[in-house]
mmCIF file of all heavy atoms, coordinates in Angstrom:
data_MODEL
# 
_entry.id   MODEL 
# 
loop_
_atom_site.group_PDB 
_atom_site.id 
_atom_site.type_symbol 
_atom_site.label_atom_id 
_atom_site.label_alt_id 
_atom_site.label_comp_id 
_atom_site.label_asym_id 
_atom_site.label_entity_id 
_atom_site.label_seq_id 
_atom_site.pdbx_PDB_ins_code 
_atom_site.Cartn_x 
_atom_site.Cartn_y 
_atom_site.Cartn_z 
_atom_site.occupancy 
_atom_site.B_iso_or_equiv 
_atom_site.pdbx_formal_charge 
_atom_site.auth_seq_id 
_atom_site.auth_comp_id 
_atom_site.auth_asym_id 
_atom_site.auth_atom_id 
_atom_site.pdbx_PDB_model_num 
ATOM 1   N N   . SER A 1 1  ? 99.363  79.311 118.856 1.00 0.00 ? 1  SER A N   1 
ATOM 2   C CA  . SER A 1 1  ? 99.021  79.416 120.317 1.00 0.00 ? 1  SER A CA  1 
ATOM 3   C C   . SER A 1 1  ? 98.895  80.678 120.740 1.00 0.00 ? 1  SER A C   1 
ATOM 4   O O   . SER A 1 1  ? 99.048  81.715 120.086 1.00 0.00 ? 1  SER A O   1 
ATOM 5   C CB  . SER A 1 1  ? 100.180 78.646 121.181 1.00 0.00 ? 1  SER A CB  1 
ATOM 6   O OG  . SER A 1 1  ? 101.468 79.310 121.044 1.00 0.00 ? 1  SER A OG  1 
ATOM 7   N N   . LYS A 1 2  ? 98.314  80.867 121.993 1.00 0.00 ? 2  LYS A N   1 
ATOM 8   C CA  . LYS A 1 2  ? 98.139  82.211 122.637 1.00 0.00 ? 2  LYS A CA  1 
ATOM 9   C C   . LYS A 1 2  ? 98.274  82.263 124.057 1.00 0.00 ? 2  LYS A C   1 
ATOM 10  O O   . LYS A 1 2  ? 98.121  81.261 124.716 1.00 0.00 ? 2  LYS A O   1 
ATOM 11  C CB  . LYS A 1 2  ? 96.755  82.778 122.201 1.00 0.00 ? 2  LYS A CB  1 
ATOM 12  C CG  . LYS A 1 2  ? 95.609  81.903 122.682 1.00 0.00 ? 2  LYS A CG  1 
ATOM 13  C CD  . LYS A 1 2  ? 94.199  82.533 122.368 1.00 0.00 ? 2  LYS A CD  1 
ATOM 14  C CE  . LYS A 1 2  ? 93.132  81.643 122.865 1.00 0.00 ? 2  LYS A CE  1 
ATOM 15  N NZ  . LYS A 1 2  ? 91.740  82.348 122.602 1.00 0.00 ? 2  LYS A NZ  1 
ATOM 16  N N   . ASP A 1 3  ? 98.634  83.440 124.587 1.00 0.00 ? 3  ASP A N   1 
ATOM 17  C CA  . ASP A 1 3  ? 98.722  83.673 126.023 1.00 0.00 ? 3  ASP A CA  1 
ATOM 18  C C   . ASP A 1 3  ? 97.620  84.630 126.314 1.00 0.00 ? 3  ASP A C   1 
ATOM 19  O O   . ASP A 1 3  ? 97.742  85.815 126.033 1.00 0.00 ? 3  ASP A O   1 
ATOM 20  C CB  . ASP A 1 3  ? 100.092 84.224 126.386 1.00 0.00 ? 3  ASP A CB  1 
ATOM 21  C CG  . ASP A 1 3  ? 100.222 84.342 127.856 1.00 0.00 ? 3  ASP A CG  1 
ATOM 22  O OD1 . ASP A 1 3  ? 99.287  84.658 128.585 1.00 0.00 ? 3  ASP A OD1 1 
ATOM 23  O OD2 . ASP A 1 3  ? 101.393 84.189 128.316 1.00 0.00 ? 3  ASP A OD2 1 
ATOM 24  N N   . ASN A 1 4  ? 96.501  84.101 126.910 1.00 0.00 ? 4  ASN A N   1 
ATOM 25  C CA  . ASN A 1 4  ? 95.365  84.967 127.193 1.00 0.00 ? 4  ASN A CA  1 
ATOM 26  C C   . ASN A 1 4  ? 95.697  86.036 128.216 1.00 0.00 ? 4  ASN A C   1 
ATOM 27  O O   . ASN A 1 4  ? 95.103  87.183 128.104 1.00 0.00 ? 4  ASN A O   1 
ATOM 28  C CB  . ASN A 1 4  ? 94.167  84.083 127.664 1.00 0.00 ? 4  ASN A CB  1 
ATOM 29  C CG  . ASN A 1 4  ? 93.636  83.205 126.614 1.00 0.00 ? 4  ASN A CG  1 
ATOM 30  O OD1 . ASN A 1 4  ? 93.570  83.507 125.376 1.00 0.00 ? 4  ASN A OD1 1 
ATOM 31  N ND2 . ASN A 1 4  ? 93.024  82.047 126.990 1.00 0.00 ? 4  ASN A ND2 1 
ATOM 32  N N   . ALA A 1 5  ? 96.454  85.760 129.172 1.00 0.00 ? 5  ALA A N   1 
ATOM 33  C CA  . ALA A 1 5  ? 96.778  86.783 130.238 1.00 0.00 ? 5  ALA A CA  1 
ATOM 34  C C   . ALA A 1 5  ? 97.564  87.943 129.660 1.00 0.00 ? 5  ALA A C   1 
ATOM 35  O O   . ALA A 1 5  ? 97.297  89.043 130.035 1.00 0.00 ? 5  ALA A O   1 
ATOM 36  C CB  . ALA A 1 5  ? 97.593  86.098 131.374 1.00 0.00 ? 5  ALA A CB  1 
ATOM 37  N N   . LYS A 1 6  ? 98.434  87.670 128.687 1.00 0.00 ? 6  LYS A N   1 
ATOM 38  C CA  . LYS A 1 6  ? 99.208  88.711 128.128 1.00 0.00 ? 6  LYS A CA  1 
ATOM 39  C C   . LYS A 1 6  ? 98.707  89.197 126.812 1.00 0.00 ? 6  LYS A C   1 
ATOM 40  O O   . LYS A 1 6  ? 99.220  90.214 126.278 1.00 0.00 ? 6  LYS A O   1 
ATOM 41  C CB  . LYS A 1 6  ? 100.719 88.143 127.865 1.00 0.00 ? 6  LYS A CB  1 
ATOM 42  C CG  . LYS A 1 6  ? 101.468 87.780 129.123 1.00 0.00 ? 6  LYS A CG  1 
ATOM 43  C CD  . LYS A 1 6  ? 102.869 87.296 128.803 1.00 0.00 ? 6  LYS A CD  1 
ATOM 44  C CE  . LYS A 1 6  ? 103.566 86.922 130.023 1.00 0.00 ? 6  LYS A CE  1 
ATOM 45  N NZ  . LYS A 1 6  ? 104.960 86.458 129.660 1.00 0.00 ? 6  LYS A NZ  1 
ATOM 46  N N   . ASN A 1 7  ? 97.709  88.546 126.324 1.00 0.00 ? 7  ASN A N   1 
ATOM 47  C CA  . ASN A 1 7  ? 97.155  88.982 124.966 1.00 0.00 ? 7  ASN A CA  1 
ATOM 48  C C   . ASN A 1 7  ? 98.153  88.979 123.834 1.00 0.00 ? 7  ASN A C   1 
ATOM 49  O O   . ASN A 1 7  ? 98.286  89.867 123.017 1.00 0.00 ? 7  ASN A O   1 
ATOM 50  C CB  . ASN A 1 7  ? 96.497  90.415 125.107 1.00 0.00 ? 7  ASN A CB  1 
ATOM 51  C CG  . ASN A 1 7  ? 94.949  90.442 124.816 1.00 0.00 ? 7  ASN A CG  1 
ATOM 52  O OD1 . ASN A 1 7  ? 94.270  89.451 125.226 1.00 0.00 ? 7  ASN A OD1 1 
ATOM 53  N ND2 . ASN A 1 7  ? 94.527  91.412 124.244 1.00 0.00 ? 7  ASN A ND2 1 
ATOM 54  N N   . ILE A 1 8  ? 98.879  87.818 123.790 1.00 0.00 ? 8  ILE A N   1 
ATOM 55  C CA  . ILE A 1 8  ? 99.881  87.673 122.740 1.00 0.00 ? 8  ILE A CA  1 
ATOM 56  C C   . ILE A 1 8  ? 99.537  86.395 122.007 1.00 0.00 ? 8  ILE A C   1 
ATOM 57  O O   . ILE A 1 8  ? 99.296  85.377 122.665 1.00 0.00 ? 8  ILE A O   1 
ATOM 58  C CB  . ILE A 1 8  ? 101.310 87.544 123.397 1.00 0.00 ? 8  ILE A CB  1 
ATOM 59  C CG1 . ILE A 1 8  ? 101.609 88.822 124.104 1.00 0.00 ? 8  ILE A CG1 1 
ATOM 60  C CG2 . ILE A 1 8  ? 102.378 87.330 122.262 1.00 0.00 ? 8  ILE A CG2 1 
ATOM 61  C CD1 . ILE A 1 8  ? 103.053 88.792 124.796 1.00 0.00 ? 8  ILE A CD1 1 
ATOM 62  N N   . LEU A 1 9  ? 99.565  86.469 120.706 1.00 0.00 ? 9  LEU A N   1 
ATOM 63  C CA  . LEU A 1 9  ? 99.359  85.330 119.765 1.00 0.00 ? 9  LEU A CA  1 
ATOM 64  C C   . LEU A 1 9  ? 100.708 84.992 119.219 1.00 0.00 ? 9  LEU A C   1 
ATOM 65  O O   . LEU A 1 9  ? 101.466 85.843 118.953 1.00 0.00 ? 9  LEU A O   1 
ATOM 66  C CB  . LEU A 1 9  ? 98.427  85.767 118.723 1.00 0.00 ? 9  LEU A CB  1 
ATOM 67  C CG  . LEU A 1 9  ? 98.167  84.716 117.631 1.00 0.00 ? 9  LEU A CG  1 
ATOM 68  C CD1 . LEU A 1 9  ? 97.237  83.697 118.144 1.00 0.00 ? 9  LEU A CD1 1 
ATOM 69  C CD2 . LEU A 1 9  ? 97.592  85.424 116.303 1.00 0.00 ? 9  LEU A CD2 1 
ATOM 70  N N   . TYR A 1 10 ? 100.933 83.695 119.120 1.00 0.00 ? 10 TYR A N   1 
ATOM 71  C CA  . TYR A 1 10 ? 102.142 83.147 118.638 1.00 0.00 ? 10 TYR A CA  1 
ATOM 72  C C   . TYR A 1 10 ? 101.959 82.215 117.442 1.00 0.00 ? 10 TYR A C   1 
ATOM 73  O O   . TYR A 1 10 ? 101.050 81.608 117.253 1.00 0.00 ? 10 TYR A O   1 
ATOM 74  C CB  . TYR A 1 10 ? 102.895 82.331 119.709 1.00 0.00 ? 10 TYR A CB  1 
ATOM 75  C CG  . TYR A 1 10 ? 103.247 83.054 120.972 1.00 0.00 ? 10 TYR A CG  1 
ATOM 76  C CD1 . TYR A 1 10 ? 102.461 82.969 122.090 1.00 0.00 ? 10 TYR A CD1 1 
ATOM 77  C CD2 . TYR A 1 10 ? 104.360 83.893 121.003 1.00 0.00 ? 10 TYR A CD2 1 
ATOM 78  C CE1 . TYR A 1 10 ? 102.756 83.676 123.263 1.00 0.00 ? 10 TYR A CE1 1 
ATOM 79  C CE2 . TYR A 1 10 ? 104.608 84.582 122.173 1.00 0.00 ? 10 TYR A CE2 1 
ATOM 80  C CZ  . TYR A 1 10 ? 103.872 84.490 123.260 1.00 0.00 ? 10 TYR A CZ  1 
ATOM 81  O OH  . TYR A 1 10 ? 104.105 85.168 124.469 1.00 0.00 ? 10 TYR A OH  1 
ATOM 82  N N   . LEU A 1 11 ? 103.027 82.164 116.595 1.00 0.00 ? 11 LEU A N   1 
ATOM 83  C CA  . LEU A 1 11 ? 103.088 81.171 115.552 1.00 0.00 ? 11 LEU A CA  1 
ATOM 84  C C   . LEU A 1 11 ? 104.556 80.617 115.573 1.00 0.00 ? 11 LEU A C   1 
ATOM 85  O O   . LEU A 1 11 ? 105.442 81.245 115.213 1.00 0.00 ? 11 LEU A O   1 
ATOM 86  C CB  . LEU A 1 11 ? 102.859 81.752 114.196 1.00 0.00 ? 11 LEU A CB  1 
ATOM 87  C CG  . LEU A 1 11 ? 102.825 80.690 113.057 1.00 0.00 ? 11 LEU A CG  1 
ATOM 88  C CD1 . LEU A 1 11 ? 101.618 79.755 113.206 1.00 0.00 ? 11 LEU A CD1 1 
ATOM 89  C CD2 . LEU A 1 11 ? 102.720 81.418 111.659 1.00 0.00 ? 11 LEU A CD2 1 
ATOM 90  N N   . GLN A 1 12 ? 104.602 79.321 116.097 1.00 0.00 ? 12 GLN A N   1 
ATOM 91  C CA  . GLN A 1 12 ? 105.932 78.692 116.063 1.00 0.00 ? 12 GLN A CA  1 
ATOM 92  C C   . GLN A 1 12 ? 106.020 77.983 114.758 1.00 0.00 ? 12 GLN A C   1 
ATOM 93  O O   . GLN A 1 12 ? 105.221 77.158 114.324 1.00 0.00 ? 12 GLN A O   1 
ATOM 94  C CB  . GLN A 1 12 ? 106.004 77.616 117.191 1.00 0.00 ? 12 GLN A CB  1 
ATOM 95  C CG  . GLN A 1 12 ? 107.314 76.865 117.225 1.00 0.00 ? 12 GLN A CG  1 
ATOM 96  C CD  . GLN A 1 12 ? 108.401 77.694 117.582 1.00 0.00 ? 12 GLN A CD  1 
ATOM 97  O OE1 . GLN A 1 12 ? 108.411 78.456 118.545 1.00 0.00 ? 12 GLN A OE1 1 
ATOM 98  N NE2 . GLN A 1 12 ? 109.552 77.571 116.846 1.00 0.00 ? 12 GLN A NE2 1 
ATOM 99  N N   . MET A 1 13 ? 107.162 78.310 114.047 1.00 0.00 ? 13 MET A N   1 
ATOM 100 C CA  . MET A 1 13 ? 107.455 77.781 112.670 1.00 0.00 ? 13 MET A CA  1 
ATOM 101 C C   . MET A 1 13 ? 108.643 76.963 112.772 1.00 0.00 ? 13 MET A C   1 
ATOM 102 O O   . MET A 1 13 ? 109.770 77.498 113.003 1.00 0.00 ? 13 MET A O   1 
ATOM 103 C CB  . MET A 1 13 ? 107.509 78.987 111.672 1.00 0.00 ? 13 MET A CB  1 
ATOM 104 C CG  . MET A 1 13 ? 106.264 79.850 111.664 1.00 0.00 ? 13 MET A CG  1 
ATOM 105 S SD  . MET A 1 13 ? 106.391 81.060 110.293 1.00 0.00 ? 13 MET A SD  1 
ATOM 106 C CE  . MET A 1 13 ? 107.798 81.980 110.859 1.00 0.00 ? 13 MET A CE  1 
ATOM 107 N N   . ASN A 1 14 ? 108.495 75.690 112.479 1.00 0.00 ? 14 ASN A N   1 
ATOM 108 C CA  . ASN A 1 14 ? 109.716 74.790 112.427 1.00 0.00 ? 14 ASN A CA  1 
ATOM 109 C C   . ASN A 1 14 ? 109.786 74.216 111.037 1.00 0.00 ? 14 ASN A C   1 
ATOM 110 O O   . ASN A 1 14 ? 108.936 74.256 110.219 1.00 0.00 ? 14 ASN A O   1 
ATOM 111 C CB  . ASN A 1 14 ? 109.595 73.621 113.398 1.00 0.00 ? 14 ASN A CB  1 
ATOM 112 C CG  . ASN A 1 14 ? 109.466 74.146 114.740 1.00 0.00 ? 14 ASN A CG  1 
ATOM 113 O OD1 . ASN A 1 14 ? 110.167 75.109 115.173 1.00 0.00 ? 14 ASN A OD1 1 
ATOM 114 N ND2 . ASN A 1 14 ? 108.688 73.478 115.610 1.00 0.00 ? 14 ASN A ND2 1 
ATOM 115 N N   . SER A 1 15 ? 111.038 73.670 110.677 1.00 0.00 ? 15 SER A N   1 
ATOM 116 C CA  . SER A 1 15 ? 111.289 72.979 109.487 1.00 0.00 ? 15 SER A CA  1 
ATOM 117 C C   . SER A 1 15 ? 110.950 73.868 108.290 1.00 0.00 ? 15 SER A C   1 
ATOM 118 O O   . SER A 1 15 ? 110.216 73.470 107.271 1.00 0.00 ? 15 SER A O   1 
ATOM 119 C CB  . SER A 1 15 ? 110.535 71.673 109.351 1.00 0.00 ? 15 SER A CB  1 
ATOM 120 O OG  . SER A 1 15 ? 110.856 70.803 110.468 1.00 0.00 ? 15 SER A OG  1 
ATOM 121 N N   . LEU A 1 16 ? 111.341 75.168 108.307 1.00 0.00 ? 16 LEU A N   1 
ATOM 122 C CA  . LEU A 1 16 ? 110.930 76.102 107.311 1.00 0.00 ? 16 LEU A CA  1 
ATOM 123 C C   . LEU A 1 16 ? 111.462 75.781 105.990 1.00 0.00 ? 16 LEU A C   1 
ATOM 124 O O   . LEU A 1 16 ? 112.631 75.202 105.851 1.00 0.00 ? 16 LEU A O   1 
ATOM 125 C CB  . LEU A 1 16 ? 111.446 77.467 107.704 1.00 0.00 ? 16 LEU A CB  1 
ATOM 126 C CG  . LEU A 1 16 ? 110.598 78.122 108.870 1.00 0.00 ? 16 LEU A CG  1 
ATOM 127 C CD1 . LEU A 1 16 ? 111.348 79.315 109.534 1.00 0.00 ? 16 LEU A CD1 1 
ATOM 128 C CD2 . LEU A 1 16 ? 109.278 78.707 108.238 1.00 0.00 ? 16 LEU A CD2 1 
ATOM 129 N N   . LYS A 1 17 ? 110.728 76.009 104.945 1.00 0.00 ? 17 LYS A N   1 
ATOM 130 C CA  . LYS A 1 17 ? 111.009 75.801 103.577 1.00 0.00 ? 17 LYS A CA  1 
ATOM 131 C C   . LYS A 1 17 ? 111.040 77.114 102.802 1.00 0.00 ? 17 LYS A C   1 
ATOM 132 O O   . LYS A 1 17 ? 110.362 78.026 103.151 1.00 0.00 ? 17 LYS A O   1 
ATOM 133 C CB  . LYS A 1 17 ? 109.881 74.860 102.974 1.00 0.00 ? 17 LYS A CB  1 
ATOM 134 C CG  . LYS A 1 17 ? 109.744 73.548 103.761 1.00 0.00 ? 17 LYS A CG  1 
ATOM 135 C CD  . LYS A 1 17 ? 108.576 72.762 103.066 1.00 0.00 ? 17 LYS A CD  1 
ATOM 136 C CE  . LYS A 1 17 ? 108.336 71.463 103.774 1.00 0.00 ? 17 LYS A CE  1 
ATOM 137 N NZ  . LYS A 1 17 ? 107.219 70.656 103.157 1.00 0.00 ? 17 LYS A NZ  1 
ATOM 138 N N   . PRO A 1 18 ? 111.773 77.145 101.690 1.00 0.00 ? 18 PRO A N   1 
ATOM 139 C CA  . PRO A 1 18 ? 111.799 78.330 100.869 1.00 0.00 ? 18 PRO A CA  1 
ATOM 140 C C   . PRO A 1 18 ? 110.366 78.864 100.494 1.00 0.00 ? 18 PRO A C   1 
ATOM 141 O O   . PRO A 1 18 ? 110.138 80.063 100.392 1.00 0.00 ? 18 PRO A O   1 
ATOM 142 C CB  . PRO A 1 18 ? 112.622 78.007 99.647  1.00 0.00 ? 18 PRO A CB  1 
ATOM 143 C CG  . PRO A 1 18 ? 113.544 76.927 100.160 1.00 0.00 ? 18 PRO A CG  1 
ATOM 144 C CD  . PRO A 1 18 ? 112.738 76.190 101.138 1.00 0.00 ? 18 PRO A CD  1 
ATOM 145 N N   . GLU A 1 19 ? 109.458 77.901 100.200 1.00 0.00 ? 19 GLU A N   1 
ATOM 146 C CA  . GLU A 1 19 ? 108.093 78.293 99.903  1.00 0.00 ? 19 GLU A CA  1 
ATOM 147 C C   . GLU A 1 19 ? 107.359 78.902 101.011 1.00 0.00 ? 19 GLU A C   1 
ATOM 148 O O   . GLU A 1 19 ? 106.225 79.376 100.724 1.00 0.00 ? 19 GLU A O   1 
ATOM 149 C CB  . GLU A 1 19 ? 107.283 77.109 99.304  1.00 0.00 ? 19 GLU A CB  1 
ATOM 150 C CG  . GLU A 1 19 ? 107.351 75.830 100.122 1.00 0.00 ? 19 GLU A CG  1 
ATOM 151 C CD  . GLU A 1 19 ? 108.466 74.864 99.693  1.00 0.00 ? 19 GLU A CD  1 
ATOM 152 O OE1 . GLU A 1 19 ? 109.597 75.345 99.460  1.00 0.00 ? 19 GLU A OE1 1 
ATOM 153 O OE2 . GLU A 1 19 ? 108.246 73.668 99.615  1.00 0.00 ? 19 GLU A OE2 1 
ATOM 154 N N   . ASP A 1 20 ? 107.892 78.947 102.174 1.00 0.00 ? 20 ASP A N   1 
ATOM 155 C CA  . ASP A 1 20 ? 107.207 79.638 103.331 1.00 0.00 ? 20 ASP A CA  1 
ATOM 156 C C   . ASP A 1 20 ? 107.501 81.124 103.305 1.00 0.00 ? 20 ASP A C   1 
ATOM 157 O O   . ASP A 1 20 ? 107.046 81.918 104.071 1.00 0.00 ? 20 ASP A O   1 
ATOM 158 C CB  . ASP A 1 20 ? 107.726 79.074 104.613 1.00 0.00 ? 20 ASP A CB  1 
ATOM 159 C CG  . ASP A 1 20 ? 107.259 77.653 104.847 1.00 0.00 ? 20 ASP A CG  1 
ATOM 160 O OD1 . ASP A 1 20 ? 106.076 77.299 104.561 1.00 0.00 ? 20 ASP A OD1 1 
ATOM 161 O OD2 . ASP A 1 20 ? 108.068 76.827 105.415 1.00 0.00 ? 20 ASP A OD2 1 
ATOM 162 N N   . THR A 1 21 ? 108.435 81.590 102.361 1.00 0.00 ? 21 THR A N   1 
ATOM 163 C CA  . THR A 1 21 ? 108.750 82.940 102.343 1.00 0.00 ? 21 THR A CA  1 
ATOM 164 C C   . THR A 1 21 ? 107.552 83.773 101.979 1.00 0.00 ? 21 THR A C   1 
ATOM 165 O O   . THR A 1 21 ? 106.850 83.558 100.964 1.00 0.00 ? 21 THR A O   1 
ATOM 166 C CB  . THR A 1 21 ? 109.834 83.177 101.225 1.00 0.00 ? 21 THR A CB  1 
ATOM 167 O OG1 . THR A 1 21 ? 111.042 82.532 101.644 1.00 0.00 ? 21 THR A OG1 1 
ATOM 168 C CG2 . THR A 1 21 ? 110.127 84.709 101.144 1.00 0.00 ? 21 THR A CG2 1 
ATOM 169 N N   . ALA A 1 22 ? 107.246 84.809 102.750 1.00 0.00 ? 22 ALA A N   1 
ATOM 170 C CA  . ALA A 1 22 ? 106.053 85.663 102.626 1.00 0.00 ? 22 ALA A CA  1 
ATOM 171 C C   . ALA A 1 22 ? 105.967 86.690 103.730 1.00 0.00 ? 22 ALA A C   1 
ATOM 172 O O   . ALA A 1 22 ? 106.812 86.637 104.699 1.00 0.00 ? 22 ALA A O   1 
ATOM 173 C CB  . ALA A 1 22 ? 104.822 84.835 102.640 1.00 0.00 ? 22 ALA A CB  1 
ATOM 174 N N   . MET A 1 23 ? 105.084 87.627 103.506 1.00 0.00 ? 23 MET A N   1 
ATOM 175 C CA  . MET A 1 23 ? 104.708 88.569 104.682 1.00 0.00 ? 23 MET A CA  1 
ATOM 176 C C   . MET A 1 23 ? 103.704 87.813 105.456 1.00 0.00 ? 23 MET A C   1 
ATOM 177 O O   . MET A 1 23 ? 102.794 87.267 104.943 1.00 0.00 ? 23 MET A O   1 
ATOM 178 C CB  . MET A 1 23 ? 104.166 89.840 104.056 1.00 0.00 ? 23 MET A CB  1 
ATOM 179 C CG  . MET A 1 23 ? 105.150 90.791 103.511 1.00 0.00 ? 23 MET A CG  1 
ATOM 180 S SD  . MET A 1 23 ? 106.123 91.609 104.869 1.00 0.00 ? 23 MET A SD  1 
ATOM 181 C CE  . MET A 1 23 ? 104.913 92.503 105.678 1.00 0.00 ? 23 MET A CE  1 
ATOM 182 N N   . TYR A 1 24 ? 103.885 87.842 106.778 1.00 0.00 ? 24 TYR A N   1 
ATOM 183 C CA  . TYR A 1 24 ? 102.951 87.119 107.667 1.00 0.00 ? 24 TYR A CA  1 
ATOM 184 C C   . TYR A 1 24 ? 102.247 88.183 108.494 1.00 0.00 ? 24 TYR A C   1 
ATOM 185 O O   . TYR A 1 24 ? 102.793 89.070 109.021 1.00 0.00 ? 24 TYR A O   1 
ATOM 186 C CB  . TYR A 1 24 ? 103.791 86.198 108.660 1.00 0.00 ? 24 TYR A CB  1 
ATOM 187 C CG  . TYR A 1 24 ? 104.195 84.949 107.893 1.00 0.00 ? 24 TYR A CG  1 
ATOM 188 C CD1 . TYR A 1 24 ? 105.169 84.904 107.002 1.00 0.00 ? 24 TYR A CD1 1 
ATOM 189 C CD2 . TYR A 1 24 ? 103.547 83.683 108.212 1.00 0.00 ? 24 TYR A CD2 1 
ATOM 190 C CE1 . TYR A 1 24 ? 105.569 83.710 106.329 1.00 0.00 ? 24 TYR A CE1 1 
ATOM 191 C CE2 . TYR A 1 24 ? 103.931 82.550 107.615 1.00 0.00 ? 24 TYR A CE2 1 
ATOM 192 C CZ  . TYR A 1 24 ? 104.893 82.517 106.709 1.00 0.00 ? 24 TYR A CZ  1 
ATOM 193 O OH  . TYR A 1 24 ? 105.267 81.376 106.081 1.00 0.00 ? 24 TYR A OH  1 
ATOM 194 N N   . TYR A 1 25 ? 100.904 87.941 108.540 1.00 0.00 ? 25 TYR A N   1 
ATOM 195 C CA  . TYR A 1 25 ? 99.978  88.910 109.247 1.00 0.00 ? 25 TYR A CA  1 
ATOM 196 C C   . TYR A 1 25 ? 99.210  88.158 110.268 1.00 0.00 ? 25 TYR A C   1 
ATOM 197 O O   . TYR A 1 25 ? 98.785  87.039 110.106 1.00 0.00 ? 25 TYR A O   1 
ATOM 198 C CB  . TYR A 1 25 ? 98.959  89.383 108.318 1.00 0.00 ? 25 TYR A CB  1 
ATOM 199 C CG  . TYR A 1 25 ? 99.650  90.182 107.085 1.00 0.00 ? 25 TYR A CG  1 
ATOM 200 C CD1 . TYR A 1 25 ? 99.915  89.569 105.928 1.00 0.00 ? 25 TYR A CD1 1 
ATOM 201 C CD2 . TYR A 1 25 ? 99.733  91.563 107.115 1.00 0.00 ? 25 TYR A CD2 1 
ATOM 202 C CE1 . TYR A 1 25 ? 100.527 90.206 104.852 1.00 0.00 ? 25 TYR A CE1 1 
ATOM 203 C CE2 . TYR A 1 25 ? 100.325 92.184 106.014 1.00 0.00 ? 25 TYR A CE2 1 
ATOM 204 C CZ  . TYR A 1 25 ? 100.646 91.567 104.862 1.00 0.00 ? 25 TYR A CZ  1 
ATOM 205 O OH  . TYR A 1 25 ? 101.271 92.268 103.823 1.00 0.00 ? 25 TYR A OH  1 
ATOM 206 N N   . CYS A 1 26 ? 98.991  88.798 111.395 1.00 0.00 ? 26 CYS A N   1 
ATOM 207 C CA  . CYS A 1 26 ? 98.092  88.276 112.411 1.00 0.00 ? 26 CYS A CA  1 
ATOM 208 C C   . CYS A 1 26 ? 96.749  89.083 112.254 1.00 0.00 ? 26 CYS A C   1 
ATOM 209 O O   . CYS A 1 26 ? 96.799  90.199 111.767 1.00 0.00 ? 26 CYS A O   1 
ATOM 210 C CB  . CYS A 1 26 ? 98.556  88.439 113.873 1.00 0.00 ? 26 CYS A CB  1 
ATOM 211 S SG  . CYS A 1 26 ? 98.798  90.092 114.462 1.00 0.00 ? 26 CYS A SG  1 
ATOM 212 N N   . ALA A 1 27 ? 95.705  88.476 112.650 1.00 0.00 ? 27 ALA A N   1 
ATOM 213 C CA  . ALA A 1 27 ? 94.354  89.069 112.489 1.00 0.00 ? 27 ALA A CA  1 
ATOM 214 C C   . ALA A 1 27 ? 93.461  88.652 113.603 1.00 0.00 ? 27 ALA A C   1 
ATOM 215 O O   . ALA A 1 27 ? 93.665  87.548 114.207 1.00 0.00 ? 27 ALA A O   1 
ATOM 216 C CB  . ALA A 1 27 ? 93.748  88.707 111.148 1.00 0.00 ? 27 ALA A CB  1 
# 
């Protein structure tokens, strides 16, 4: 999701699993 007024991008992550382990990048 994003907030256009604040210019902030979000990634809500739920039910995390060990295989989600990584470096996360926005682009």
